[in-house]
Structure formats: structure tokens, C-alpha cells
Amino acid sequence: MGVVIYTKDASRYQTGHYLVMHRELTTPPTAPDTTFILHSDRFAEKDVLYWAPVVPYRLVVVCDKAPRLTSASENFAILDATLKVPKSDYGRAMRAVLCWADRERAHRALAPVPLPLANAFVRANVDDIEVGRLLARCRYVLHDDYTRAVIAFGVPQVRDFSYPPKSGGSIDILPDSMRKSDAHWDVIVRNDTAVTNEVRRDDPDALPKGVLKKQQERMEWL
């Protein structure tokens, strides 16, 4: 069983063996290891459900706007990043990445998902220290392809999928020496001259509003 990918730009899929068609499928998309590319704005979800069990590799549908998709096709259809993809559809893609047993298909489903979002889904669904260590070794060091490979092939199949929690939305810029869990960091910075001077020296932009940026003298007991 293959996968149906909706995209605006098929150039990235024109590798290896591929066949291009327009408006309708003039050739049955049944050849193995072949990408079938169809330019059509009328390939609906019912067509996905009909053809996905027949396609052995992938069927790429080039269109300006993706059709309405439901949970019935979440195991077969992927929206490419070239389309205007709402967050919910990235959720569909990540459900496929983490829950599909076929990890090759999972790897293809991961392609349009931004890596920071993919990592957030992994943190919310995977409790495996080895996976975390592999991702830490890849991130910011190796090409993004390695991180995607770790997520696709190193993560065990997830049975109970969940969305990552929403952030609190804080816009505070914290000093390097502070953590987000430090609930009273601004009180400390405002009232401890030694800490305030350290922030003034190392990270002046993180000073709370109203705190002078000039170094202040500190009174100490003899």
C-alpha cells in the first residue's frame, strides 16, 4: 500500500522512475518503485481511498488547493509543505509518522513537517532516552535528513498518540543564568545588586523594565 501526496510543486518528487499525467490517470499507478504524478484539481478524498490500496509506492497529486480530508484518509493522504497547511494537518502527518507500522511510509510522511514541530510531537509521545540521545547528537550538527531518519526509524510505533501541550506564551527574555521555572527571577534581578550587576554585564537586554543598565555599587558588611 502506498501514499497519496498533495503538492503545488512536483519537482522534488521527480527522481528515479516517475510518470507524469494530466487531468486523469491514463496509466494505472501500479508499477513498483515508481512515482506517479497527476496534475489535477479534482482528485478528492474518495479517489484517495480508492487508489491508495493499489499504489505500491506513491501517487503525487499536483493542485492549487488540497481537497477536504477527514480521518478516513489520514493513513493514506499527506499534504505537502508547498500547500497552505494548517496546524491540524501537521498533526495528521505526525500521527502517521508516529503510528504507522510501515516506517518507510512514515519517513515519507515526515518530509513536509517542520523539524521543531516534529521534535515537539516526539517529546509528547516518546519516552525513550536512547531516542533522545540520538536526536541530541543529530540536532544542529548533522543535516536535517539524519534527524528525520531518527524520528522515522528510531522511534517505536506509538499506540496512544497525543498532541504536545501548548506553551504558556510568555514573551519574557530571560537572562542566561535564569530558567523558565524560576517564577521570581525578576524579583531577584531587581533586588539583589550582585545578580543585577551580573545581568547588566552579560545580558543587559534581559533586564526587567525600569531597571537601570548602568553598573551599581554594592554595599557589603565588613
Protein backbone atom coordinates (compact mmCIF):
# COMPACT_ATOMS: atom_id res chain seq x y z
CA MET A 1 0.00 0.00 0.00
CA GLY A 2 1.32 3.41 -0.98
CA VAL A 3 0.65 7.01 -0.10
CA VAL A 4 -1.04 9.94 -1.88
CA ILE A 5 0.79 13.28 -1.58
CA TYR A 6 -0.86 16.60 -2.45
CA THR A 7 1.56 19.32 -3.55
CA LYS A 8 1.86 22.52 -5.57
CA ASP A 9 5.32 21.66 -6.86
CA ALA A 10 6.16 18.17 -8.08
CA SER A 11 9.82 18.87 -8.89
CA ARG A 12 11.10 17.39 -5.62
CA TYR A 13 9.33 14.11 -6.45
CA GLN A 14 10.69 13.82 -9.99
CA THR A 15 13.51 11.48 -9.05
CA GLY A 16 14.14 7.89 -10.02
CA HIS A 17 11.35 6.33 -12.05
CA TYR A 18 8.35 8.62 -12.42
CA LEU A 19 5.42 9.12 -14.79
CA VAL A 20 3.56 12.42 -15.32
CA MET A 21 -0.14 12.58 -16.22
CA HIS A 22 -2.62 15.44 -16.61
CA ARG A 23 -6.29 15.74 -15.56
CA GLU A 24 -6.81 11.98 -15.20
CA LEU A 25 -4.91 8.76 -14.59
CA THR A 26 -4.24 7.48 -18.09
CA THR A 27 -1.97 4.73 -16.77
CA PRO A 28 -2.82 2.53 -13.74
CA PRO A 29 -0.45 3.58 -10.91
CA THR A 30 0.54 0.01 -10.11
CA ALA A 31 4.21 -0.22 -11.12
CA PRO A 32 6.57 -0.81 -8.16
CA ASP A 33 9.23 1.78 -7.18
CA THR A 34 7.60 4.36 -9.46
CA THR A 35 6.29 7.81 -8.59
CA PHE A 36 3.06 8.63 -10.42
CA ILE A 37 2.49 12.39 -10.77
CA LEU A 38 -1.00 13.60 -11.61
CA HIS A 39 -1.80 17.25 -12.35
CA SER A 40 -5.41 17.62 -11.31
CA ASP A 41 -7.62 19.84 -9.12
CA ARG A 42 -10.33 17.18 -8.93
CA PHE A 43 -8.66 14.37 -7.03
CA ALA A 44 -10.94 14.14 -4.00
CA GLU A 45 -10.74 12.08 -0.81
CA LYS A 46 -12.88 9.33 -2.33
CA ASP A 47 -10.20 8.97 -5.03
CA VAL A 48 -7.53 8.69 -2.35
CA LEU A 49 -9.44 5.88 -0.64
CA TYR A 50 -9.90 4.11 -3.97
CA TRP A 51 -6.34 4.34 -5.29
CA ALA A 52 -4.16 4.19 -2.15
CA PRO A 53 -4.54 0.39 -1.71
CA VAL A 54 -3.49 -0.04 -5.35
CA VAL A 55 -0.46 2.28 -5.40
CA PRO A 56 2.66 0.35 -4.34
CA TYR A 57 4.86 3.43 -3.76
CA ARG A 58 3.42 6.94 -4.09
CA LEU A 59 0.96 8.97 -6.12
CA VAL A 60 1.68 12.71 -6.20
CA VAL A 61 -1.28 14.96 -6.98
CA VAL A 62 -0.30 18.46 -8.15
CA CYS A 63 -3.01 21.02 -7.36
CA ASP A 64 -3.51 24.61 -6.24
CA LYS A 65 -5.70 23.70 -3.29
CA ALA A 66 -5.98 20.45 -1.40
CA PRO A 67 -9.43 18.85 -1.07
CA ARG A 68 -11.20 18.46 2.23
CA LEU A 69 -9.76 15.43 4.02
CA THR A 70 -11.19 13.56 7.00
CA SER A 71 -9.91 10.94 9.41
CA ALA A 72 -10.93 8.28 6.87
CA SER A 73 -7.88 9.11 4.75
CA GLU A 74 -5.35 10.02 7.45
CA ASN A 75 -3.43 6.78 6.85
CA PHE A 76 -3.13 7.40 3.12
CA ALA A 77 -3.05 11.14 2.32
CA ILE A 78 -0.37 13.73 3.06
CA LEU A 79 -0.39 17.47 2.38
CA ASP A 80 2.96 18.75 1.15
CA ALA A 81 4.54 21.85 2.72
CA THR A 82 4.09 23.75 -0.57
CA LEU A 83 0.37 23.91 0.12
CA LYS A 84 -1.01 26.19 2.81
CA VAL A 85 -1.10 23.62 5.56
CA PRO A 86 -2.98 24.41 8.78
CA LYS A 87 -1.58 23.11 12.05
CA SER A 88 -4.20 20.38 12.22
CA ASP A 89 -2.81 18.83 9.05
CA TYR A 90 0.70 18.76 10.50
CA GLY A 91 -0.96 16.87 13.32
CA ARG A 92 -2.32 14.39 10.78
CA ALA A 93 1.14 13.96 9.31
CA MET A 94 2.73 13.42 12.74
CA ARG A 95 0.06 10.90 13.69
CA ALA A 96 1.05 9.00 10.57
CA VAL A 97 4.77 9.33 11.35
CA LEU A 98 4.44 8.02 14.90
CA CYS A 99 1.63 5.49 14.49
CA TRP A 100 2.15 3.79 11.14
CA ALA A 101 3.81 0.37 11.32
CA ASP A 102 5.43 0.87 7.90
CA ARG A 103 8.36 3.11 8.79
CA GLU A 104 9.25 3.77 5.13
CA ARG A 105 5.83 5.37 4.69
CA ALA A 106 6.31 7.17 7.99
CA HIS A 107 9.57 8.62 6.69
CA ARG A 108 7.82 9.96 3.59
CA ALA A 109 5.00 11.42 5.72
CA LEU A 110 7.55 13.30 7.83
CA ALA A 111 9.01 15.20 4.84
CA PRO A 112 6.72 18.30 4.97
CA VAL A 113 6.68 18.66 8.77
CA PRO A 114 8.93 21.39 10.27
CA LEU A 115 11.53 19.73 12.49
CA PRO A 116 10.87 21.85 15.63
CA LEU A 117 7.23 20.77 15.49
CA ALA A 118 8.19 17.15 14.81
CA ASN A 119 10.50 17.19 17.85
CA ALA A 120 7.68 18.57 19.99
CA PHE A 121 5.45 15.66 18.96
CA VAL A 122 8.25 13.21 19.71
CA ARG A 123 8.72 14.66 23.21
CA ALA A 124 4.98 14.37 23.85
CA ASN A 125 4.69 10.76 22.68
CA VAL A 126 8.03 9.01 23.13
CA ASP A 127 9.62 8.18 26.47
CA ASP A 128 12.87 6.63 25.26
CA ILE A 129 16.19 8.03 26.44
CA GLU A 130 18.11 6.45 23.56
CA VAL A 131 15.93 8.23 21.01
CA GLY A 132 16.51 11.49 22.87
CA ARG A 133 20.25 10.96 22.81
CA LEU A 134 20.24 10.20 19.08
CA LEU A 135 18.23 13.34 18.35
CA ALA A 136 20.54 15.42 20.53
CA ARG A 137 23.58 14.15 18.60
CA CYS A 138 21.98 15.00 15.25
CA ARG A 139 20.39 18.35 16.05
CA TYR A 140 22.42 21.41 14.93
CA VAL A 141 25.32 19.12 13.95
CA LEU A 142 24.24 16.87 11.08
CA HIS A 143 21.98 17.52 8.11
CA ASP A 144 18.24 17.56 8.86
CA ASP A 145 17.88 14.28 6.96
CA TYR A 146 19.57 12.47 9.85
CA THR A 147 17.12 13.88 12.38
CA ARG A 148 14.19 12.86 10.17
CA ALA A 149 15.67 9.37 9.82
CA VAL A 150 15.98 9.02 13.60
CA ILE A 151 12.34 10.05 14.07
CA ALA A 152 11.10 7.75 11.32
CA PHE A 153 13.20 4.66 12.01
CA GLY A 154 14.39 5.08 15.60
CA VAL A 155 11.05 5.81 17.26
CA PRO A 156 8.95 2.76 18.20
CA GLN A 157 5.38 2.68 16.90
CA VAL A 158 3.14 4.81 19.12
CA ARG A 159 -0.19 3.33 20.20
CA ASP A 160 -1.63 6.20 22.23
CA PHE A 161 -0.98 9.35 20.18
CA SER A 162 -1.28 12.77 21.84
CA TYR A 163 -0.63 16.39 20.86
CA PRO A 164 2.16 18.35 22.56
CA PRO A 165 0.97 20.78 25.25
CA LYS A 166 0.64 24.42 24.28
CA SER A 167 3.27 26.78 25.62
CA GLY A 168 2.37 29.38 28.19
CA GLY A 169 3.00 32.15 25.67
CA SER A 170 5.45 34.09 27.83
CA ILE A 171 7.35 36.75 25.91
CA ASP A 172 9.86 37.50 28.68
CA ILE A 173 13.52 37.41 27.66
CA LEU A 174 15.23 35.58 30.49
CA PRO A 175 18.85 36.13 31.47
CA ASP A 176 21.15 33.24 30.57
CA SER A 177 21.58 32.37 34.24
CA MET A 178 17.81 32.02 34.80
CA ARG A 179 15.38 29.26 33.92
CA LYS A 180 11.73 29.48 32.85
CA SER A 181 10.87 27.60 36.04
CA ASP A 182 12.32 30.46 38.13
CA ALA A 183 8.99 32.12 38.92
CA HIS A 184 10.56 35.04 40.83
CA TRP A 185 13.58 35.72 38.64
CA ASP A 186 12.55 39.34 38.05
CA VAL A 187 12.25 39.96 41.82
CA ILE A 188 15.77 38.61 42.32
CA VAL A 189 17.19 40.72 39.50
CA ARG A 190 15.51 43.86 40.83
CA ASN A 191 16.62 43.42 44.46
CA ASP A 192 19.95 41.57 44.52
CA THR A 193 22.59 44.04 43.38
CA ALA A 194 25.16 41.31 42.72
CA VAL A 195 22.78 39.41 40.43
CA THR A 196 21.59 42.62 38.77
CA ASN A 197 25.17 43.68 38.01
CA GLU A 198 25.88 40.24 36.55
CA VAL A 199 22.89 40.56 34.22
CA ARG A 200 23.91 44.13 33.37
CA ARG A 201 27.31 42.83 32.34
CA ASP A 202 26.36 39.65 30.49
CA ASP A 203 22.82 40.14 29.18
CA PRO A 204 21.58 43.76 29.53
CA ASP A 205 18.64 43.26 27.15
CA ALA A 206 17.11 40.81 29.64
CA LEU A 207 16.87 43.38 32.44
CA PRO A 208 13.28 43.92 33.68
CA LYS A 209 11.62 47.16 32.63
CA GLY A 210 12.68 50.09 34.78
CA VAL A 211 15.98 48.61 35.96
CA LEU A 212 19.00 50.79 35.18
CA LYS A 213 21.58 49.29 32.84
CA LYS A 214 24.49 51.08 34.49
CA GLN A 215 26.53 49.05 36.98
CA GLN A 216 25.64 49.89 40.59
CA GLU A 217 27.83 49.88 43.67
CA ARG A 218 27.22 47.08 46.11
CA MET A 219 27.35 47.61 49.88
CA GLU A 220 28.86 44.74 51.87
CA TRP A 221 29.36 44.13 55.57
CA LEU A 222 32.99 44.17 56.72
